[in-house]
Amino acid sequence: MKHAGRYTWEAVQEWLNGLGYYQRAIDGKPGRYTIAALQQFLRKKGLYPASKWRVDGDFGPATAEAFQRYLNTQNGQ
């Protein structure tokens, strides 16, 4: 997902905005605020690792894996 395009990130930002996690401009850039909002959402769902007590705004392996787990649950996998 890190290499996703602008429109994918715009969709993620709009989705997070609709859920109340992202309150900034929808610009399609996966900046630290977008990633932090995604991490907060994933933590609330119980998918973000407990070892990551602090949301860091970095789209690292822990965030990518947690987001993939969430997406898999949405696809019935």
N, C-alpha and C. Protein backbone atom coordinates (compact mmCIF):
# COMPACT_ATOMS: atom_id res chain seq x y z
N MET A 1 0.83 -1.21 0.00
CA MET A 1 0.00 0.00 0.00
C MET A 1 0.87 1.25 0.00
N LYS A 2 2.08 1.13 0.51
CA LYS A 2 2.95 2.31 0.57
C LYS A 2 3.17 2.90 -0.82
N HIS A 3 3.17 2.02 -1.82
CA HIS A 3 3.39 2.48 -3.18
C HIS A 3 2.08 2.71 -3.93
N ALA A 4 0.99 2.76 -3.20
CA ALA A 4 -0.30 3.04 -3.81
C ALA A 4 -0.30 4.45 -4.37
N GLY A 5 -1.16 4.67 -5.33
CA GLY A 5 -1.22 5.97 -5.97
C GLY A 5 -2.07 6.98 -5.21
N ARG A 6 -2.08 8.16 -5.78
CA ARG A 6 -2.79 9.29 -5.17
C ARG A 6 -4.27 9.00 -4.93
N TYR A 7 -4.92 8.38 -5.91
CA TYR A 7 -6.35 8.16 -5.78
C TYR A 7 -6.67 7.13 -4.69
N THR A 8 -5.79 6.15 -4.53
CA THR A 8 -5.98 5.18 -3.45
C THR A 8 -5.87 5.87 -2.10
N TRP A 9 -4.83 6.72 -1.95
CA TRP A 9 -4.65 7.42 -0.68
C TRP A 9 -5.77 8.44 -0.45
N GLU A 10 -6.29 9.06 -1.51
CA GLU A 10 -7.44 9.96 -1.34
C GLU A 10 -8.63 9.17 -0.80
N ALA A 11 -8.84 7.96 -1.33
CA ALA A 11 -9.95 7.13 -0.87
C ALA A 11 -9.76 6.75 0.60
N VAL A 12 -8.53 6.41 0.98
CA VAL A 12 -8.25 6.07 2.38
C VAL A 12 -8.50 7.28 3.27
N GLN A 13 -8.06 8.45 2.83
CA GLN A 13 -8.27 9.67 3.62
C GLN A 13 -9.76 9.98 3.76
N GLU A 14 -10.50 9.86 2.68
CA GLU A 14 -11.94 10.12 2.74
C GLU A 14 -12.63 9.13 3.67
N TRP A 15 -12.24 7.87 3.60
CA TRP A 15 -12.80 6.83 4.45
C TRP A 15 -12.50 7.12 5.92
N LEU A 16 -11.23 7.44 6.22
CA LEU A 16 -10.86 7.76 7.60
C LEU A 16 -11.54 9.04 8.08
N ASN A 17 -11.72 9.99 7.18
CA ASN A 17 -12.43 11.22 7.52
C ASN A 17 -13.88 10.92 7.89
N GLY A 18 -14.51 10.08 7.11
CA GLY A 18 -15.89 9.71 7.37
C GLY A 18 -16.07 8.99 8.70
N LEU A 19 -15.01 8.31 9.13
CA LEU A 19 -15.05 7.60 10.42
C LEU A 19 -14.61 8.49 11.57
N GLY A 20 -14.17 9.71 11.26
CA GLY A 20 -13.77 10.66 12.29
C GLY A 20 -12.32 10.59 12.73
N TYR A 21 -11.49 9.88 11.99
CA TYR A 21 -10.08 9.73 12.37
C TYR A 21 -9.15 10.72 11.68
N TYR A 22 -9.55 11.23 10.53
CA TYR A 22 -8.68 12.10 9.74
C TYR A 22 -9.40 13.42 9.51
N GLN A 23 -8.83 14.51 9.98
CA GLN A 23 -9.50 15.81 9.91
C GLN A 23 -8.76 16.83 9.05
N ARG A 24 -7.89 16.38 8.19
CA ARG A 24 -7.10 17.30 7.36
C ARG A 24 -7.60 17.28 5.92
N ALA A 25 -6.94 18.04 5.07
CA ALA A 25 -7.32 18.11 3.67
C ALA A 25 -7.12 16.76 2.99
N ILE A 26 -8.04 16.42 2.11
CA ILE A 26 -7.92 15.21 1.31
C ILE A 26 -6.99 15.55 0.15
N ASP A 27 -5.74 15.08 0.23
CA ASP A 27 -4.75 15.45 -0.79
C ASP A 27 -4.11 14.26 -1.49
N GLY A 28 -4.42 13.04 -1.04
CA GLY A 28 -3.87 11.85 -1.68
C GLY A 28 -2.42 11.58 -1.34
N LYS A 29 -1.89 12.27 -0.34
CA LYS A 29 -0.50 12.06 0.06
C LYS A 29 -0.47 11.30 1.38
N PRO A 30 0.25 10.18 1.43
CA PRO A 30 0.29 9.38 2.66
C PRO A 30 1.27 9.95 3.68
N GLY A 31 0.96 11.13 4.16
CA GLY A 31 1.81 11.78 5.15
C GLY A 31 1.59 11.23 6.54
N ARG A 32 2.31 11.80 7.50
CA ARG A 32 2.27 11.26 8.86
C ARG A 32 0.88 11.36 9.50
N TYR A 33 0.10 12.38 9.15
CA TYR A 33 -1.24 12.49 9.73
C TYR A 33 -2.19 11.42 9.18
N THR A 34 -2.05 11.12 7.90
CA THR A 34 -2.85 10.06 7.30
C THR A 34 -2.52 8.72 7.95
N ILE A 35 -1.22 8.44 8.08
CA ILE A 35 -0.79 7.17 8.64
C ILE A 35 -1.17 7.07 10.12
N ALA A 36 -1.01 8.16 10.85
CA ALA A 36 -1.38 8.16 12.27
C ALA A 36 -2.88 7.89 12.42
N ALA A 37 -3.70 8.46 11.56
CA ALA A 37 -5.14 8.23 11.60
C ALA A 37 -5.44 6.76 11.30
N LEU A 38 -4.75 6.20 10.32
CA LEU A 38 -4.92 4.79 9.99
C LEU A 38 -4.52 3.91 11.17
N GLN A 39 -3.40 4.24 11.80
CA GLN A 39 -2.94 3.47 12.95
C GLN A 39 -3.94 3.56 14.10
N GLN A 40 -4.49 4.73 14.34
CA GLN A 40 -5.48 4.87 15.42
C GLN A 40 -6.71 4.02 15.13
N PHE A 41 -7.17 4.02 13.89
CA PHE A 41 -8.30 3.19 13.51
C PHE A 41 -7.99 1.72 13.75
N LEU A 42 -6.81 1.28 13.32
CA LEU A 42 -6.42 -0.12 13.47
C LEU A 42 -6.28 -0.52 14.94
N ARG A 43 -5.77 0.39 15.76
CA ARG A 43 -5.68 0.11 17.19
C ARG A 43 -7.06 -0.09 17.79
N LYS A 44 -7.99 0.76 17.41
CA LYS A 44 -9.35 0.64 17.94
C LYS A 44 -9.99 -0.69 17.54
N LYS A 45 -9.64 -1.19 16.37
CA LYS A 45 -10.16 -2.48 15.91
C LYS A 45 -9.41 -3.66 16.52
N GLY A 46 -8.34 -3.38 17.29
CA GLY A 46 -7.56 -4.44 17.91
C GLY A 46 -6.57 -5.10 16.97
N LEU A 47 -6.26 -4.43 15.86
CA LEU A 47 -5.37 -5.02 14.86
C LEU A 47 -3.97 -4.45 14.88
N TYR A 48 -3.79 -3.33 15.54
CA TYR A 48 -2.46 -2.72 15.58
C TYR A 48 -1.70 -3.33 16.74
N PRO A 49 -0.44 -3.69 16.56
CA PRO A 49 0.30 -4.42 17.59
C PRO A 49 0.32 -3.72 18.94
N ALA A 50 0.14 -4.51 19.98
CA ALA A 50 0.17 -3.97 21.35
C ALA A 50 1.54 -3.40 21.68
N SER A 51 2.58 -3.88 21.01
CA SER A 51 3.93 -3.38 21.28
C SER A 51 4.12 -1.95 20.77
N LYS A 52 3.22 -1.48 19.93
CA LYS A 52 3.32 -0.13 19.39
C LYS A 52 2.40 0.79 20.20
N TRP A 53 2.79 1.07 21.42
CA TRP A 53 1.94 1.88 22.29
C TRP A 53 1.78 3.29 21.77
N ARG A 54 2.77 3.77 21.10
CA ARG A 54 2.69 5.13 20.57
C ARG A 54 2.45 5.08 19.07
N VAL A 55 1.47 5.78 18.60
CA VAL A 55 1.22 5.87 17.17
C VAL A 55 2.29 6.77 16.59
N ASP A 56 3.03 6.26 15.61
CA ASP A 56 4.21 6.99 15.13
C ASP A 56 4.04 7.67 13.78
N GLY A 57 2.97 7.42 13.07
CA GLY A 57 2.77 8.06 11.77
C GLY A 57 3.70 7.55 10.69
N ASP A 58 4.23 6.34 10.88
CA ASP A 58 5.13 5.74 9.90
C ASP A 58 4.45 4.52 9.31
N PHE A 59 4.40 4.44 7.99
CA PHE A 59 3.79 3.29 7.34
C PHE A 59 4.83 2.19 7.22
N GLY A 60 5.17 1.64 8.37
CA GLY A 60 6.14 0.56 8.44
C GLY A 60 5.46 -0.80 8.37
N PRO A 61 6.23 -1.86 8.59
CA PRO A 61 5.70 -3.22 8.48
C PRO A 61 4.52 -3.49 9.41
N ALA A 62 4.56 -2.99 10.63
CA ALA A 62 3.47 -3.25 11.58
C ALA A 62 2.16 -2.64 11.08
N THR A 63 2.23 -1.44 10.54
CA THR A 63 1.02 -0.78 10.02
C THR A 63 0.52 -1.50 8.78
N ALA A 64 1.43 -1.84 7.87
CA ALA A 64 1.04 -2.53 6.64
C ALA A 64 0.39 -3.87 6.94
N GLU A 65 0.97 -4.64 7.87
CA GLU A 65 0.41 -5.94 8.22
C GLU A 65 -0.96 -5.79 8.88
N ALA A 66 -1.10 -4.82 9.77
CA ALA A 66 -2.38 -4.61 10.44
C ALA A 66 -3.45 -4.19 9.44
N PHE A 67 -3.10 -3.32 8.51
CA PHE A 67 -4.08 -2.87 7.51
C PHE A 67 -4.46 -4.03 6.60
N GLN A 68 -3.50 -4.87 6.23
CA GLN A 68 -3.81 -6.02 5.39
C GLN A 68 -4.74 -6.98 6.13
N ARG A 69 -4.52 -7.19 7.44
CA ARG A 69 -5.42 -8.05 8.22
C ARG A 69 -6.83 -7.47 8.21
N TYR A 70 -6.93 -6.15 8.38
CA TYR A 70 -8.25 -5.52 8.35
C TYR A 70 -8.91 -5.72 6.99
N LEU A 71 -8.18 -5.46 5.91
CA LEU A 71 -8.75 -5.60 4.57
C LEU A 71 -9.18 -7.04 4.31
N ASN A 72 -8.40 -8.00 4.79
CA ASN A 72 -8.78 -9.41 4.61
C ASN A 72 -10.08 -9.73 5.31
N THR A 73 -10.33 -9.13 6.48
CA THR A 73 -11.59 -9.39 7.17
C THR A 73 -12.76 -8.80 6.40
N GLN A 74 -12.50 -7.75 5.65
CA GLN A 74 -13.57 -7.12 4.87
C GLN A 74 -13.88 -7.91 3.62
N ASN A 75 -12.92 -8.71 3.17
CA ASN A 75 -13.12 -9.53 1.97
C ASN A 75 -13.54 -10.95 2.29
N GLY A 76 -13.77 -11.23 3.57
CA GLY A 76 -14.20 -12.55 3.97
C GLY A 76 -13.09 -13.58 4.03
N GLN A 77 -11.84 -13.13 4.04
CA GLN A 77 -10.70 -14.07 4.09
C GLN A 77 -10.29 -14.31 5.52
